[in-house]
C-alpha atoms as a PDB file:
ATOM      1  CA  MET A   1      24.507 -32.660   0.968  1.00  0.00           C
ATOM      2  CA  GLY A   2      21.418 -30.503   0.614  1.00  0.00           C
ATOM      3  CA  GLU A   3      20.819 -28.065  -2.191  1.00  0.00           C
ATOM      4  CA  LYS A   4      22.828 -24.836  -2.304  1.00  0.00           C
ATOM      5  CA  ILE A   5      21.022 -21.895  -0.736  1.00  0.00           C
ATOM      6  CA  ASP A   6      20.154 -19.324  -3.412  1.00  0.00           C
ATOM      7  CA  THR A   7      21.239 -16.170  -1.616  1.00  0.00           C
ATOM      8  CA  ARG A   8      20.891 -14.119  -4.809  1.00  0.00           C
ATOM      9  CA  ALA A   9      17.207 -14.998  -5.122  1.00  0.00           C
ATOM     10  CA  ILE A  10      16.675 -14.229  -1.437  1.00  0.00           C
ATOM     11  CA  GLY A  11      18.374 -10.862  -1.862  1.00  0.00           C
ATOM     12  CA  LEU A  12      16.328 -10.040  -4.972  1.00  0.00           C
ATOM     13  CA  ASP A  13      12.989 -10.903  -3.378  1.00  0.00           C
ATOM     14  CA  THR A  14      13.862  -9.034  -0.167  1.00  0.00           C
ATOM     15  CA  GLY A  15      15.142  -6.032  -2.105  1.00  0.00           C
ATOM     16  CA  LEU A  16      11.929  -5.885  -4.122  1.00  0.00           C
ATOM     17  CA  ALA A  17       9.823  -5.894  -0.949  1.00  0.00           C
ATOM     18  CA  LEU A  18      12.011  -3.141   0.524  1.00  0.00           C
ATOM     19  CA  ILE A  19      11.761  -0.978  -2.596  1.00  0.00           C
ATOM     20  CA  LYS A  20       7.981  -1.298  -2.638  1.00  0.00           C
ATOM     21  CA  TRP A  21       7.768  -0.374   1.049  1.00  0.00           C
ATOM     22  CA  LEU A  22      10.047   2.601   0.546  1.00  0.00           C
ATOM     23  CA  THR A  23       8.721   4.000  -2.753  1.00  0.00           C
ATOM     24  CA  GLY A  24       5.313   2.429  -3.314  1.00  0.00           C
ATOM     25  CA  ALA A  25       6.481   0.849  -6.582  1.00  0.00           C
ATOM     26  CA  GLU A  26       8.429  -2.264  -7.493  1.00  0.00           C
ATOM     27  CA  ASN A  27      11.153  -0.745  -9.656  1.00  0.00           C
ATOM     28  CA  LEU A  28      14.399  -2.725  -9.681  1.00  0.00           C
ATOM     29  CA  HIS A  29      16.471  -0.247 -11.686  1.00  0.00           C
ATOM     30  CA  TYR A  30      18.793   2.660 -10.933  1.00  0.00           C
ATOM     31  CA  GLY A  31      17.545   6.182 -10.385  1.00  0.00           C
ATOM     32  CA  LEU A  32      18.446   9.251 -12.435  1.00  0.00           C
ATOM     33  CA  TRP A  33      19.621  11.835  -9.910  1.00  0.00           C
ATOM     34  CA  ASP A  34      20.048  14.989 -12.007  1.00  0.00           C
ATOM     35  CA  GLY A  35      18.860  17.927  -9.880  1.00  0.00           C
ATOM     36  CA  LEU A  36      17.777  15.707  -6.983  1.00  0.00           C
ATOM     37  CA  GLU A  37      19.180  15.543  -3.473  1.00  0.00           C
ATOM     38  CA  LEU A  38      20.529  12.069  -2.744  1.00  0.00           C
ATOM     39  CA  SER A  39      18.136  10.625  -0.164  1.00  0.00           C
ATOM     40  CA  ALA A  40      15.877   7.624   0.247  1.00  0.00           C
ATOM     41  CA  GLY A  41      12.907   9.980   0.122  1.00  0.00           C
ATOM     42  CA  ASN A  42      13.788  10.946  -3.450  1.00  0.00           C
ATOM     43  CA  LEU A  43      14.354   7.415  -4.748  1.00  0.00           C
ATOM     44  CA  ARG A  44      10.897   7.089  -6.336  1.00  0.00           C
ATOM     45  CA  GLN A  45      11.327  10.415  -8.140  1.00  0.00           C
ATOM     46  CA  ALA A  46      14.796   9.390  -9.353  1.00  0.00           C
ATOM     47  CA  GLN A  47      13.515   6.050 -10.648  1.00  0.00           C
ATOM     48  CA  ASP A  48      10.609   7.766 -12.414  1.00  0.00           C
ATOM     49  CA  ALA A  49      13.103  10.145 -14.043  1.00  0.00           C
ATOM     50  CA  TYR A  50      15.084   7.139 -15.256  1.00  0.00           C
ATOM     51  CA  THR A  51      11.954   5.649 -16.841  1.00  0.00           C
ATOM     52  CA  ASP A  52      11.144   8.964 -18.531  1.00  0.00           C
ATOM     53  CA  LYS A  53      14.671   9.051 -19.970  1.00  0.00           C
ATOM     54  CA  LEU A  54      14.340   5.477 -21.230  1.00  0.00           C
ATOM     55  CA  PHE A  55      10.912   6.102 -22.776  1.00  0.00           C
ATOM     56  CA  GLY A  56      12.333   9.097 -24.594  1.00  0.00           C
ATOM     57  CA  GLN A  57      14.019   6.579 -26.915  1.00  0.00           C
ATOM     58  CA  LEU A  58      10.845   4.687 -27.832  1.00  0.00           C
ATOM     59  CA  PRO A  59      10.056   4.734 -31.547  1.00  0.00           C
ATOM     60  CA  ALA A  60       6.928   6.601 -32.587  1.00  0.00           C
ATOM     61  CA  GLY A  61       3.537   4.930 -32.736  1.00  0.00           C
ATOM     62  CA  ARG A  62       1.915   2.073 -30.870  1.00  0.00           C
ATOM     63  CA  LEU A  63       4.426  -0.709 -30.471  1.00  0.00           C
ATOM     64  CA  ARG A  64       4.507  -4.407 -29.845  1.00  0.00           C
ATOM     65  CA  ILE A  65       7.275  -4.658 -27.261  1.00  0.00           C
ATOM     66  CA  LEU A  66       9.212  -7.621 -25.890  1.00  0.00           C
ATOM     67  CA  ASP A  67      10.411  -6.626 -22.411  1.00  0.00           C
ATOM     68  CA  ILE A  68      13.339  -8.971 -21.815  1.00  0.00           C
ATOM     69  CA  GLY A  69      14.089  -9.441 -18.117  1.00  0.00           C
ATOM     70  CA  GLY A  70      11.076  -7.333 -17.192  1.00  0.00           C
ATOM     71  CA  GLY A  71      11.661  -7.178 -13.436  1.00  0.00           C
ATOM     72  CA  ALA A  72       8.425  -6.939 -11.470  1.00  0.00           C
ATOM     73  CA  GLY A  73       6.399  -5.570 -14.397  1.00  0.00           C
ATOM     74  CA  GLU A  74       6.466  -1.873 -13.466  1.00  0.00           C
ATOM     75  CA  THR A  75       7.979  -0.836 -16.809  1.00  0.00           C
ATOM     76  CA  ALA A  76       5.487  -3.003 -18.704  1.00  0.00           C
ATOM     77  CA  ARG A  77       2.613  -1.436 -16.761  1.00  0.00           C
ATOM     78  CA  LYS A  78       3.732   2.051 -17.801  1.00  0.00           C
ATOM     79  CA  LEU A  79       4.228   0.991 -21.421  1.00  0.00           C
ATOM     80  CA  ILE A  80       0.730  -0.493 -21.563  1.00  0.00           C
ATOM     81  CA  ALA A  81      -0.679   2.732 -20.109  1.00  0.00           C
ATOM     82  CA  LEU A  82       0.892   4.532 -23.093  1.00  0.00           C
ATOM     83  CA  GLY A  83      -0.989   2.270 -25.483  1.00  0.00           C
ATOM     84  CA  HIS A  84       1.688  -0.304 -26.300  1.00  0.00           C
ATOM     85  CA  SER A  85       1.241  -4.072 -26.146  1.00  0.00           C
ATOM     86  CA  VAL A  86       3.876  -5.880 -24.094  1.00  0.00           C
ATOM     87  CA  GLU A  87       5.173  -9.389 -23.649  1.00  0.00           C
ATOM     88  CA  ILE A  88       7.572 -10.024 -20.763  1.00  0.00           C
ATOM     89  CA  VAL A  89      10.314 -12.624 -20.514  1.00  0.00           C
ATOM     90  CA  VAL A  90      11.428 -13.228 -16.918  1.00  0.00           C
ATOM     91  CA  PRO A  91      13.122 -16.343 -15.472  1.00  0.00           C
ATOM     92  CA  SER A  92      12.066 -16.006 -11.811  1.00  0.00           C
ATOM     93  CA  ALA A  93       8.766 -17.526 -10.711  1.00  0.00           C
ATOM     94  CA  TYR A  94       8.434 -14.863  -8.026  1.00  0.00           C
ATOM     95  CA  LEU A  95       9.036 -11.997 -10.468  1.00  0.00           C
ATOM     96  CA  ALA A  96       6.730 -13.577 -13.030  1.00  0.00           C
ATOM     97  CA  GLY A  97       4.002 -13.486 -10.386  1.00  0.00           C
ATOM     98  CA  ARG A  98       4.684  -9.833  -9.673  1.00  0.00           C
ATOM     99  CA  CYS A  99       4.589  -9.079 -13.416  1.00  0.00           C
ATOM    100  CA  ARG A 100       1.158 -10.671 -13.685  1.00  0.00           C
ATOM    101  CA  ALA A 101      -0.031  -8.620 -10.708  1.00  0.00           C
ATOM    102  CA  ASN A 102       1.463  -5.294 -11.805  1.00  0.00           C
ATOM    103  CA  ALA A 103       0.822  -5.627 -15.555  1.00  0.00           C
ATOM    104  CA  PRO A 104      -2.162  -7.991 -15.954  1.00  0.00           C
ATOM    105  CA  GLN A 105      -2.586  -7.025 -19.620  1.00  0.00           C
ATOM    106  CA  ALA A 106       0.936  -8.190 -20.486  1.00  0.00           C
ATOM    107  CA  VAL A 107       1.744 -11.689 -21.691  1.00  0.00           C
ATOM    108  CA  VAL A 108       4.303 -13.158 -19.268  1.00  0.00           C
ATOM    109  CA  HIS A 109       6.765 -15.846 -20.353  1.00  0.00           C
ATOM    110  CA  GLU A 110       8.361 -17.443 -17.291  1.00  0.00           C
ATOM    111  CA  CYS A 111      11.659 -18.537 -18.813  1.00  0.00           C
ATOM    112  CA  ARG A 112      15.157 -17.389 -19.672  1.00  0.00           C
ATOM    113  CA  PHE A 113      15.478 -15.411 -22.897  1.00  0.00           C
ATOM    114  CA  GLU A 114      17.678 -18.256 -24.150  1.00  0.00           C
ATOM    115  CA  ASP A 115      14.647 -20.557 -23.810  1.00  0.00           C
ATOM    116  CA  PHE A 116      12.045 -18.145 -25.201  1.00  0.00           C
ATOM    117  CA  THR A 117      10.161 -19.776 -28.081  1.00  0.00           C
ATOM    118  CA  GLY A 118       8.024 -16.842 -29.210  1.00  0.00           C
ATOM    119  CA  GLN A 119       8.146 -15.949 -32.884  1.00  0.00           C
ATOM    120  CA  GLY A 120       7.517 -12.189 -32.872  1.00  0.00           C
ATOM    121  CA  SER A 121       7.310  -9.946 -34.753  1.00  0.00           C
ATOM    122  CA  PHE A 122       8.138  -7.190 -32.266  1.00  0.00           C
ATOM    123  CA  ASP A 123       8.623  -3.513 -32.972  1.00  0.00           C
ATOM    124  CA  LEU A 124      10.988  -3.234 -30.022  1.00  0.00           C
ATOM    125  CA  CYS A 125      13.161  -5.602 -28.002  1.00  0.00           C
ATOM    126  CA  LEU A 126      13.789  -3.883 -24.656  1.00  0.00           C
ATOM    127  CA  PHE A 127      16.588  -4.646 -22.207  1.00  0.00           C
ATOM    128  CA  SER A 128      16.357  -2.500 -19.064  1.00  0.00           C
ATOM    129  CA  GLU A 129      19.295  -3.677 -16.925  1.00  0.00           C
ATOM    130  CA  SER A 130      18.948  -7.228 -18.232  1.00  0.00           C
ATOM    131  CA  PHE A 131      21.297  -7.210 -21.232  1.00  0.00           C
ATOM    132  CA  GLN A 132      24.295  -7.980 -19.021  1.00  0.00           C
ATOM    133  CA  TYR A 133      22.874 -11.346 -17.947  1.00  0.00           C
ATOM    134  CA  ILE A 134      22.535 -12.796 -21.460  1.00  0.00           C
ATOM    135  CA  PRO A 135      25.452 -13.866 -23.690  1.00  0.00           C
ATOM    136  CA  MET A 136      25.792 -11.342 -26.510  1.00  0.00           C
ATOM    137  CA  GLU A 137      26.438 -14.066 -29.072  1.00  0.00           C
ATOM    138  CA  PHE A 138      22.845 -15.133 -28.358  1.00  0.00           C
ATOM    139  CA  SER A 139      20.965 -11.949 -27.444  1.00  0.00           C
ATOM    140  CA  LEU A 140      21.693  -9.803 -30.500  1.00  0.00           C
ATOM    141  CA  PRO A 141      21.084 -12.494 -33.171  1.00  0.00           C
ATOM    142  CA  ARG A 142      17.916 -13.661 -31.405  1.00  0.00           C
ATOM    143  CA  CYS A 143      16.550 -10.134 -31.307  1.00  0.00           C
ATOM    144  CA  LEU A 144      17.178  -9.810 -35.045  1.00  0.00           C
ATOM    145  CA  GLN A 145      15.030 -12.905 -35.563  1.00  0.00           C
ATOM    146  CA  LEU A 146      12.229 -11.441 -33.459  1.00  0.00           C
ATOM    147  CA  LEU A 147      12.118  -7.902 -34.871  1.00  0.00           C
ATOM    148  CA  ALA A 148       9.463  -6.753 -37.291  1.00  0.00           C
ATOM    149  CA  PRO A 149      10.634  -4.804 -40.356  1.00  0.00           C
ATOM    150  CA  GLY A 150      11.843  -1.448 -39.065  1.00  0.00           C
ATOM    151  CA  GLY A 151      12.016  -2.795 -35.522  1.00  0.00           C
ATOM    152  CA  GLN A 152      14.686  -1.713 -33.044  1.00  0.00           C
ATOM    153  CA  ILE A 153      16.556  -2.874 -29.927  1.00  0.00           C
ATOM    154  CA  LEU A 154      16.703  -0.610 -26.874  1.00  0.00           C
ATOM    155  CA  ILE A 155      19.321  -1.324 -24.203  1.00  0.00           C
ATOM    156  CA  ALA A 156      19.846   0.504 -20.903  1.00  0.00           C
ATOM    157  CA  ASP A 157      22.540  -1.157 -18.834  1.00  0.00           C
ATOM    158  CA  CYS A 158      25.984  -1.173 -17.259  1.00  0.00           C
ATOM    159  CA  PHE A 159      29.096  -2.106 -19.190  1.00  0.00           C
ATOM    160  CA  ARG A 160      32.515  -2.703 -17.664  1.00  0.00           C
ATOM    161  CA  THR A 161      35.333  -0.331 -18.588  1.00  0.00           C
ATOM    162  CA  GLU A 162      38.882  -1.402 -19.374  1.00  0.00           C
ATOM    163  CA  ALA A 163      39.795  -0.436 -15.806  1.00  0.00           C
ATOM    164  CA  TYR A 164      37.958  -3.523 -14.534  1.00  0.00           C
ATOM    165  CA  LEU A 165      40.323  -6.506 -14.534  1.00  0.00           C
ATOM    166  CA  GLY A 166      38.071  -9.011 -12.773  1.00  0.00           C
ATOM    167  CA  ARG A 167      36.926 -10.035  -9.323  1.00  0.00           C
ATOM    168  CA  ASP A 168      40.165 -11.921  -8.664  1.00  0.00           C
ATOM    169  CA  VAL A 169      42.112  -8.669  -9.100  1.00  0.00           C
ATOM    170  CA  HIS A 170      39.798  -6.068  -7.554  1.00  0.00           C
ATOM    171  CA  GLY A 171      37.414  -8.071  -5.420  1.00  0.00           C
ATOM    172  CA  PRO A 172      33.685  -7.285  -5.684  1.00  0.00           C
ATOM    173  CA  LYS A 173      33.034  -3.922  -7.314  1.00  0.00           C
ATOM    174  CA  PRO A 174      29.728  -2.119  -7.928  1.00  0.00           C
ATOM    175  CA  GLY A 175      28.119  -2.392 -11.316  1.00  0.00           C
ATOM    176  CA  GLY A 176      28.703  -5.186 -13.773  1.00  0.00           C
ATOM    177  CA  GLY A 177      27.872  -6.191 -17.292  1.00  0.00           C
ATOM    178  CA  HIS A 178      29.701  -7.083 -20.452  1.00  0.00           C
ATOM    179  CA  LYS A 179      33.004  -5.425 -21.282  1.00  0.00           C
ATOM    180  CA  LEU A 180      32.261  -2.350 -23.376  1.00  0.00           C
ATOM    181  CA  THR A 181      34.946  -3.310 -25.889  1.00  0.00           C
ATOM    182  CA  ALA A 182      33.422  -6.793 -26.187  1.00  0.00           C
ATOM    183  CA  PHE A 183      30.010  -5.249 -26.871  1.00  0.00           C
ATOM    184  CA  HIS A 184      31.339  -3.118 -29.711  1.00  0.00           C
ATOM    185  CA  GLY A 185      33.059  -6.199 -31.099  1.00  0.00           C
ATOM    186  CA  ALA A 186      29.823  -8.209 -30.940  1.00  0.00           C
ATOM    187  CA  LEU A 187      27.897  -5.346 -32.523  1.00  0.00           C
ATOM    188  CA  ALA A 188      30.375  -5.151 -35.412  1.00  0.00           C
ATOM    189  CA  GLY A 189      29.694  -8.821 -36.129  1.00  0.00           C
ATOM    190  CA  GLN A 190      25.941  -8.290 -36.574  1.00  0.00           C
ATOM    191  CA  PRO A 191      23.931  -6.444 -39.234  1.00  0.00           C
ATOM    192  CA  LEU A 192      23.126  -3.754 -36.677  1.00  0.00           C
ATOM    193  CA  GLN A 193      24.027  -0.107 -36.308  1.00  0.00           C
ATOM    194  CA  LEU A 194      23.839   2.376 -33.459  1.00  0.00           C
ATOM    195  CA  ALA A 195      20.950   4.798 -33.934  1.00  0.00           C
ATOM    196  CA  HIS A 196      21.502   6.404 -30.526  1.00  0.00           C
ATOM    197  CA  GLU A 197      24.093   6.205 -27.737  1.00  0.00           C
ATOM    198  CA  GLU A 198      23.898   8.175 -24.485  1.00  0.00           C
ATOM    199  CA  ASP A 199      26.162   7.881 -21.452  1.00  0.00           C
ATOM    200  CA  ILE A 200      24.243   8.508 -18.205  1.00  0.00           C
ATOM    201  CA  THR A 201      26.839   7.022 -15.852  1.00  0.00           C
ATOM    202  CA  GLU A 202      27.288  10.083 -13.647  1.00  0.00           C
ATOM    203  CA  SER A 203      23.528  10.577 -13.399  1.00  0.00           C
ATOM    204  CA  VAL A 204      22.768   7.049 -12.142  1.00  0.00           C
ATOM    205  CA  ALA A 205      25.936   6.518 -10.068  1.00  0.00           C
ATOM    206  CA  PRO A 206      24.573   8.135  -6.859  1.00  0.00           C
ATOM    207  CA  SER A 207      22.231   5.122  -6.621  1.00  0.00           C
ATOM    208  CA  ILE A 208      25.282   3.107  -5.547  1.00  0.00           C
ATOM    209  CA  THR A 209      26.096   5.547  -2.741  1.00  0.00           C
ATOM    210  CA  LEU A 210      22.483   5.446  -1.536  1.00  0.00           C
ATOM    211  CA  GLU A 211      22.505   1.653  -1.579  1.00  0.00           C
ATOM    212  CA  GLN A 212      25.712   1.547   0.461  1.00  0.00           C
ATOM    213  CA  GLN A 213      24.285   4.002   2.981  1.00  0.00           C
ATOM    214  CA  PHE A 214      21.330   1.659   3.451  1.00  0.00           C
ATOM    215  CA  PHE A 215      23.628  -1.318   4.023  1.00  0.00           C
ATOM    216  CA  ASN A 216      25.633   0.688   6.535  1.00  0.00           C
ATOM    217  CA  VAL A 217      22.451   1.384   8.522  1.00  0.00           C
ATOM    218  CA  LEU A 218      21.706  -2.348   8.505  1.00  0.00           C
ATOM    219  CA  GLY A 219      25.300  -3.034   9.485  1.00  0.00           C
ATOM    220  CA  LEU A 220      25.062  -0.732  12.486  1.00  0.00           C
ATOM    221  CA  GLY A 221      21.977  -2.592  13.703  1.00  0.00           C
ATOM    222  CA  VAL A 222      23.581  -6.000  13.170  1.00  0.00           C
ATOM    223  CA  THR A 223      26.786  -4.954  14.942  1.00  0.00           C
ATOM    224  CA  ARG A 224      24.962  -3.510  17.944  1.00  0.00           C
ATOM    225  CA  CYS A 225      22.779  -6.635  18.290  1.00  0.00           C
ATOM    226  CA  GLN A 226      25.886  -8.801  18.023  1.00  0.00           C
ATOM    227  CA  GLN A 227      27.683  -6.812  20.709  1.00  0.00           C
ATOM    228  CA  GLU A 228      24.764  -6.923  23.110  1.00  0.00           C
ATOM    229  CA  ILE A 229      24.066 -10.635  22.680  1.00  0.00           C
ATOM    230  CA  ARG A 230      27.759 -11.405  23.114  1.00  0.00           C
ATOM    231  CA  ARG A 231      27.872  -9.337  26.320  1.00  0.00           C
ATOM    232  CA  ALA A 232      24.606 -10.429  27.916  1.00  0.00           C
ATOM    233  CA  ARG A 233      24.046 -13.921  26.472  1.00  0.00           C
ATOM    234  CA  PRO A 234      27.431 -15.438  25.548  1.00  0.00           C
ATOM    235  CA  ARG A 235      26.034 -18.970  25.180  1.00  0.00           C
ATOM    236  CA  ILE A 236      23.312 -17.814  22.797  1.00  0.00           C
ATOM    237  CA  TYR A 237      25.929 -15.826  20.906  1.00  0.00           C
ATOM    238  CA  TRP A 238      28.066 -18.957  20.549  1.00  0.00           C
ATOM    239  CA  LEU A 239      25.059 -20.956  19.300  1.00  0.00           C
ATOM    240  CA  LEU A 240      24.057 -18.297  16.773  1.00  0.00           C
ATOM    241  CA  SER A 241      27.641 -18.144  15.491  1.00  0.00           C
ATOM    242  CA  ARG A 242      27.613 -21.903  14.965  1.00  0.00           C
ATOM    243  CA  VAL A 243      24.317 -21.759  13.073  1.00  0.00           C
ATOM    244  CA  LEU A 244      25.602 -18.934  10.878  1.00  0.00           C
ATOM    245  CA  ARG A 245      28.668 -20.973   9.946  1.00  0.00           C
ATOM    246  CA  LEU A 246      26.389 -23.841   8.908  1.00  0.00           C
ATOM    247  CA  VAL A 247      24.251 -21.580   6.698  1.00  0.00           C
ATOM    248  CA  LEU A 248      26.986 -19.399   5.169  1.00  0.00           C
ATOM    249  CA  SER A 249      30.512 -20.270   4.163  1.00  0.00           C
ATOM    250  CA  GLU A 250      33.314 -18.283   5.761  1.00  0.00           C
ATOM    251  CA  LYS A 251      33.848 -16.416   2.487  1.00  0.00           C
ATOM    252  CA  ARG A 252      30.172 -15.502   2.106  1.00  0.00           C
ATOM    253  CA  SER A 253      29.949 -14.449   5.735  1.00  0.00           C
ATOM    254  CA  ARG A 254      33.027 -12.271   5.342  1.00  0.00           C
ATOM    255  CA  ASN A 255      31.660 -10.698   2.146  1.00  0.00           C
ATOM    256  CA  LEU A 256      28.319 -10.013   3.839  1.00  0.00           C
ATOM    257  CA  MET A 257      29.897  -8.274   6.815  1.00  0.00           C
ATOM    258  CA  SER A 258      32.140  -6.308   4.470  1.00  0.00           C
ATOM    259  CA  ARG A 259      29.081  -5.166   2.524  1.00  0.00           C
ATOM    260  CA  LEU A 260      27.386  -4.037   5.730  1.00  0.00           C
ATOM    261  CA  ALA A 261      30.380  -2.202   7.155  1.00  0.00           C
ATOM    262  CA  ASP A 262      32.476  -0.882   4.251  1.00  0.00           C
ATOM    263  CA  THR A 263      32.115   2.527   2.655  1.00  0.00           C
ATOM    264  CA  THR A 264      34.087   1.767  -0.504  1.00  0.00           C
ATOM    265  CA  ARG A 265      31.075   1.201  -2.790  1.00  0.00           C
ATOM    266  CA  THR A 266      30.664   4.770  -3.979  1.00  0.00           C
ATOM    267  CA  ALA A 267      29.451   6.658  -7.023  1.00  0.00           C
ATOM    268  CA  GLU A 268      33.071   7.482  -7.870  1.00  0.00           C
ATOM    269  CA  GLU A 269      34.090   3.827  -7.809  1.00  0.00           C
ATOM    270  CA  PHE A 270      31.085   2.916  -9.934  1.00  0.00           C
ATOM    271  CA  CYS A 271      32.072   5.498 -12.553  1.00  0.00           C
ATOM    272  CA  HIS A 272      35.643   4.191 -12.625  1.00  0.00           C
ATOM    273  CA  TYR A 273      34.700   0.587 -13.407  1.00  0.00           C
ATOM    274  CA  ASN A 274      31.505   1.086 -15.426  1.00  0.00           C
ATOM    275  CA  ARG A 275      29.747   2.995 -18.146  1.00  0.00           C
ATOM    276  CA  TYR A 276      25.971   3.101 -17.983  1.00  0.00           C
ATOM    277  CA  LEU A 277      24.620   3.512 -21.496  1.00  0.00           C
ATOM    278  CA  ILE A 278      21.299   3.894 -23.251  1.00  0.00           C
ATOM    279  CA  LEU A 279      21.683   2.340 -26.691  1.00  0.00           C
ATOM    280  CA  ARG A 280      19.214   2.088 -29.537  1.00  0.00           C
ATOM    281  CA  LEU A 281      20.120  -0.333 -32.307  1.00  0.00           C
ATOM    282  CA  GLN A 282      18.537  -0.871 -35.672  1.00  0.00           C
ATOM    283  CA  PRO A 283      19.206  -3.315 -38.495  1.00  0.00           C
ATOM    284  CA  ARG A 284      21.452  -2.019 -41.237  1.00  0.00           C
END
């Protein structure tokens, strides 16, 4: 058997190219939609508003910042423009390349945070929608090792509510992240305290509706092409169907078509299963 096709990496790289084409920037995070009409044309403004909200929690002064899971380097570029020095930890070779292009003054570590060997000291450890991908029993203690005296941890990410009982129960649901109750339990076990907590769930949730609208447009195009090929070129349709079954499992194919056609991924559903929080932590 050949290697498993990394559909997640394909989706990430394609999504990044789409976002850049649409907005002119390579932001991979949610938008903040307060006072904005929900439309693709306003996505750049919503994402900029999100960054402004996040930067409002930066400690005073010029900082040495570790941007953990730094996306394509857009956040690092903006931080450097404000006078901060930034090191980025990112596991994807493709994203590491984009970080070097977008933030050439940043030091880029192409590795998982679990494999990061830097010693610090950092004034700020930043997780912008990356905290959910790292085990909390590792991430919080490691940050404590890396912080300078008086340093802080800034997290902006999704956390699952108690309403979420797992993929086996609900199927795929928008959002993600650690259980909020598990986070508070992990926090209680560390010499850390909450300096700031802000819930911006309702403000970022429209991003999910906009994303689903985009997939529905793609789905319409795919469905119409499928119908026409099946009508006019049945043999080609049969061949394409066979190739698709070789590339994607039946489950993955079904999930893909569901994503393109369904309208159940909404802001309301996101709010039910998630809390999106901005958290600033400091050592006790």
